[in-house]
N, C-alpha and C. Protein backbone atom coordinates (compact mmCIF):
# COMPACT_ATOMS: atom_id res chain seq x y z
N MET A 1 -12.69 14.37 255.28
CA MET A 1 -13.29 15.60 254.99
C MET A 1 -13.56 15.59 256.06
N GLY A 2 -13.24 16.79 256.81
CA GLY A 2 -14.17 17.68 257.65
C GLY A 2 -14.47 18.81 257.78
N PHE A 3 -15.29 19.51 258.86
CA PHE A 3 -15.45 21.01 259.00
C PHE A 3 -14.25 21.88 259.42
N CYS A 4 -13.43 21.19 260.15
CA CYS A 4 -12.20 21.41 260.74
C CYS A 4 -10.87 21.13 260.42
N ALA A 5 -9.85 21.34 260.57
CA ALA A 5 -8.58 20.69 260.30
C ALA A 5 -7.78 20.19 261.68
N ALA A 6 -6.79 19.44 261.55
CA ALA A 6 -5.84 19.04 262.58
C ALA A 6 -5.31 20.45 263.18
N SER A 7 -5.30 21.29 262.82
CA SER A 7 -4.73 22.46 263.38
C SER A 7 -5.90 22.88 264.44
N ASP A 8 -6.84 22.72 264.10
CA ASP A 8 -8.11 23.23 265.14
C ASP A 8 -7.79 22.37 266.27
N VAL A 9 -7.90 21.39 265.80
CA VAL A 9 -7.89 20.48 267.19
C VAL A 9 -6.61 20.47 268.02
N SER A 10 -5.59 20.48 267.47
CA SER A 10 -4.31 21.06 268.11
C SER A 10 -4.24 22.20 268.66
N GLY A 11 -5.17 23.02 268.64
CA GLY A 11 -5.35 24.21 269.38
C GLY A 11 -5.91 24.14 270.56
N LEU A 12 -6.87 23.14 270.47
CA LEU A 12 -7.68 22.72 271.48
C LEU A 12 -6.95 21.77 272.61
N ALA A 13 -6.15 21.05 272.10
CA ALA A 13 -5.43 19.94 272.61
C ALA A 13 -3.98 20.12 273.32
N LYS A 14 -3.53 21.34 273.61
CA LYS A 14 -2.08 21.38 273.53
C LYS A 14 -1.42 20.61 274.78
N ASN A 15 -2.25 20.21 275.72
CA ASN A 15 -1.75 19.41 276.70
C ASN A 15 -1.16 18.21 276.05
N LEU A 16 -2.07 17.66 274.89
CA LEU A 16 -1.76 16.30 274.49
C LEU A 16 -0.38 16.27 273.62
N ILE A 17 0.11 17.20 273.01
CA ILE A 17 1.11 17.25 272.00
C ILE A 17 2.39 17.98 272.58
N GLY A 18 2.51 18.39 273.76
CA GLY A 18 3.54 18.87 274.42
C GLY A 18 4.12 19.88 273.56
N GLU A 19 5.34 19.79 273.19
CA GLU A 19 5.96 20.87 272.88
C GLU A 19 5.81 21.36 271.57
N VAL A 20 5.13 20.26 270.62
CA VAL A 20 4.88 20.67 269.42
C VAL A 20 3.80 21.30 269.10
N ASP A 21 3.46 22.16 268.09
CA ASP A 21 2.28 22.51 267.77
C ASP A 21 1.36 21.98 266.78
N MET A 22 1.42 21.09 266.34
CA MET A 22 0.77 20.44 265.33
C MET A 22 1.04 18.75 265.41
N PHE A 23 -0.10 17.99 265.03
CA PHE A 23 -0.18 16.79 265.37
C PHE A 23 0.74 16.02 263.95
N THR A 24 1.65 15.32 264.30
CA THR A 24 2.30 14.40 263.35
C THR A 24 2.18 12.93 263.34
N SER A 25 3.07 12.51 262.46
CA SER A 25 2.92 10.98 262.70
C SER A 25 3.87 10.65 263.94
N SER A 26 4.82 11.31 264.39
CA SER A 26 5.39 11.18 265.81
C SER A 26 4.46 11.59 266.83
N THR A 27 3.50 11.92 266.68
CA THR A 27 2.99 12.70 268.32
C THR A 27 1.85 11.30 268.49
N SER A 28 1.42 11.55 269.74
CA SER A 28 0.56 10.51 269.98
C SER A 28 -0.50 11.68 270.76
N PRO A 29 -1.61 11.42 270.28
CA PRO A 29 -2.10 10.66 269.16
C PRO A 29 -1.34 11.09 267.85
N GLY A 30 -1.30 10.43 266.75
CA GLY A 30 -0.94 10.47 265.33
C GLY A 30 -2.17 11.38 264.46
N ILE A 31 -1.20 12.15 263.71
CA ILE A 31 -2.18 12.93 262.63
C ILE A 31 -3.17 11.92 261.83
N SER A 32 -3.01 10.81 261.68
CA SER A 32 -3.85 9.75 261.10
C SER A 32 -4.96 9.39 261.65
N LEU A 33 -4.83 9.30 263.04
CA LEU A 33 -5.87 9.43 263.89
C LEU A 33 -6.86 10.39 264.13
N VAL A 34 -6.03 11.57 264.53
CA VAL A 34 -6.59 12.80 264.62
C VAL A 34 -7.70 12.89 263.28
N ASP A 35 -7.19 12.98 262.28
CA ASP A 35 -7.96 13.03 260.81
C ASP A 35 -9.18 12.20 260.73
N SER A 36 -8.65 10.94 261.20
CA SER A 36 -9.92 10.09 261.25
C SER A 36 -10.97 10.34 262.48
N TRP A 37 -10.90 11.11 263.52
CA TRP A 37 -11.68 11.65 264.46
C TRP A 37 -12.55 12.58 263.82
N ILE A 38 -11.92 13.70 263.23
CA ILE A 38 -12.46 14.45 262.73
C ILE A 38 -13.24 13.99 261.71
N SER A 39 -12.94 13.35 260.51
CA SER A 39 -14.06 12.73 259.78
C SER A 39 -15.27 12.05 260.18
N SER A 40 -14.82 11.20 261.64
CA SER A 40 -15.85 10.59 262.10
C SER A 40 -17.31 11.75 262.61
N GLY A 41 -16.61 13.08 263.33
CA GLY A 41 -17.52 13.95 263.70
C GLY A 41 -18.18 14.55 262.71
N CYS A 42 -17.45 14.69 261.49
CA CYS A 42 -18.23 15.49 260.35
C CYS A 42 -19.47 14.28 260.16
N GLY A 43 -19.17 13.30 259.91
CA GLY A 43 -20.31 12.36 259.63
C GLY A 43 -21.35 12.48 260.64
N TRP A 44 -21.10 12.76 261.84
CA TRP A 44 -22.25 12.42 262.89
C TRP A 44 -23.03 13.77 262.94
N ILE A 45 -22.23 14.91 262.47
CA ILE A 45 -22.56 16.82 262.34
C ILE A 45 -23.62 16.74 261.23
N GLU A 46 -23.07 15.75 259.91
CA GLU A 46 -23.85 15.96 258.78
C GLU A 46 -24.94 14.72 258.89
N THR A 47 -24.95 13.88 259.38
CA THR A 47 -26.07 13.17 259.95
C THR A 47 -27.41 13.82 260.60
N ALA A 48 -26.79 14.54 261.82
CA ALA A 48 -27.90 15.28 262.31
C ALA A 48 -28.64 16.60 261.49
N ILE A 49 -27.60 17.11 260.53
CA ILE A 49 -28.36 18.41 259.60
C ILE A 49 -29.23 17.83 258.78
N GLN A 50 -28.78 16.51 258.43
CA GLN A 50 -29.85 16.04 257.27
C GLN A 50 -31.00 15.73 257.94
N ALA A 51 -30.93 15.22 259.26
CA ALA A 51 -32.19 14.41 260.05
C ALA A 51 -33.23 15.69 260.18
N HIS A 52 -32.66 17.05 259.93
CA HIS A 52 -33.14 18.22 260.17
C HIS A 52 -33.68 18.75 259.02
N GLY A 53 -33.75 18.06 257.97
CA GLY A 53 -34.13 18.33 256.41
C GLY A 53 -33.32 19.61 255.70
N TYR A 54 -31.94 19.58 256.49
CA TYR A 54 -30.89 20.44 255.34
C TYR A 54 -30.24 19.72 254.81
N SER A 55 -29.61 20.22 253.91
CA SER A 55 -28.83 19.50 252.59
C SER A 55 -27.19 19.85 253.34
N VAL A 56 -26.41 18.70 252.91
CA VAL A 56 -25.07 18.74 253.26
C VAL A 56 -24.19 18.35 252.07
N PRO A 57 -22.85 18.92 252.08
CA PRO A 57 -22.45 19.81 252.82
C PRO A 57 -22.77 21.37 252.68
N PRO A 58 -23.06 21.81 253.76
CA PRO A 58 -23.17 23.30 253.92
C PRO A 58 -22.47 23.93 253.48
N ALA A 59 -22.62 24.83 252.71
CA ALA A 59 -21.65 26.32 251.80
C ALA A 59 -20.43 26.85 253.05
N SER A 60 -19.43 26.62 252.96
CA SER A 60 -18.68 27.25 253.68
C SER A 60 -18.75 28.98 253.78
N THR A 61 -19.55 29.46 252.96
CA THR A 61 -19.68 30.69 253.29
C THR A 61 -21.12 30.96 254.36
N THR A 62 -21.80 30.05 254.47
CA THR A 62 -23.07 30.16 255.75
C THR A 62 -22.83 30.57 256.93
N SER A 63 -23.46 31.10 257.60
CA SER A 63 -23.02 31.59 258.89
C SER A 63 -22.94 30.76 259.85
N VAL A 64 -23.54 29.51 259.59
CA VAL A 64 -23.50 28.61 260.52
C VAL A 64 -22.24 27.76 260.52
N TYR A 65 -21.50 28.08 259.15
CA TYR A 65 -20.12 26.86 259.47
C TYR A 65 -19.02 27.09 260.43
N GLY A 66 -18.83 28.36 260.97
CA GLY A 66 -17.65 28.06 261.76
C GLY A 66 -18.36 27.28 263.22
N HIS A 67 -19.67 27.24 262.92
CA HIS A 67 -20.07 26.83 264.49
C HIS A 67 -19.93 25.39 264.27
N LEU A 68 -20.19 25.10 263.04
CA LEU A 68 -19.69 23.44 262.50
C LEU A 68 -18.17 23.28 262.91
N LYS A 69 -17.50 24.23 262.32
CA LYS A 69 -16.17 24.00 262.64
C LYS A 69 -15.64 23.70 264.11
N HIS A 70 -16.20 24.46 264.83
CA HIS A 70 -15.76 24.39 266.29
C HIS A 70 -16.45 22.97 266.52
N CYS A 71 -17.97 22.57 266.43
CA CYS A 71 -18.36 21.47 267.05
C CYS A 71 -17.73 20.15 266.10
N ASN A 72 -17.05 20.17 265.34
CA ASN A 72 -16.05 19.36 264.57
C ASN A 72 -14.71 19.19 265.53
N ALA A 73 -14.13 20.37 265.82
CA ALA A 73 -12.71 20.41 266.70
C ALA A 73 -13.31 19.83 267.75
N LEU A 74 -14.24 20.05 268.19
CA LEU A 74 -14.71 19.58 269.62
C LEU A 74 -14.59 18.72 269.90
N PHE A 75 -15.33 17.47 268.68
CA PHE A 75 -15.45 16.12 268.56
C PHE A 75 -14.19 15.56 268.84
N ALA A 76 -13.45 16.03 267.79
CA ALA A 76 -11.95 15.15 267.63
C ALA A 76 -11.10 15.31 268.77
N THR A 77 -11.49 16.48 269.51
CA THR A 77 -10.44 16.82 270.73
C THR A 77 -11.06 15.88 271.96
N ALA A 78 -12.38 15.62 271.57
CA ALA A 78 -12.86 14.70 272.78
C ALA A 78 -12.65 13.25 272.67
């Protein structure tokens, strides 16, 4: 589980996946690896949020959620 989806990562990594629009089991990196990176990034983000006294996960309706989604996608892309 993460703040973003693999499709958010593929939008930032067009040069990695070439002609296809989305990560799959046939792309390199594959969808399972990208999902793992998203999950890892989410864990790092939630740890930082908790360290500042906030509860996790934040509601998707909060104003900060869009920023967290983007940060999570950037983490997975990197």
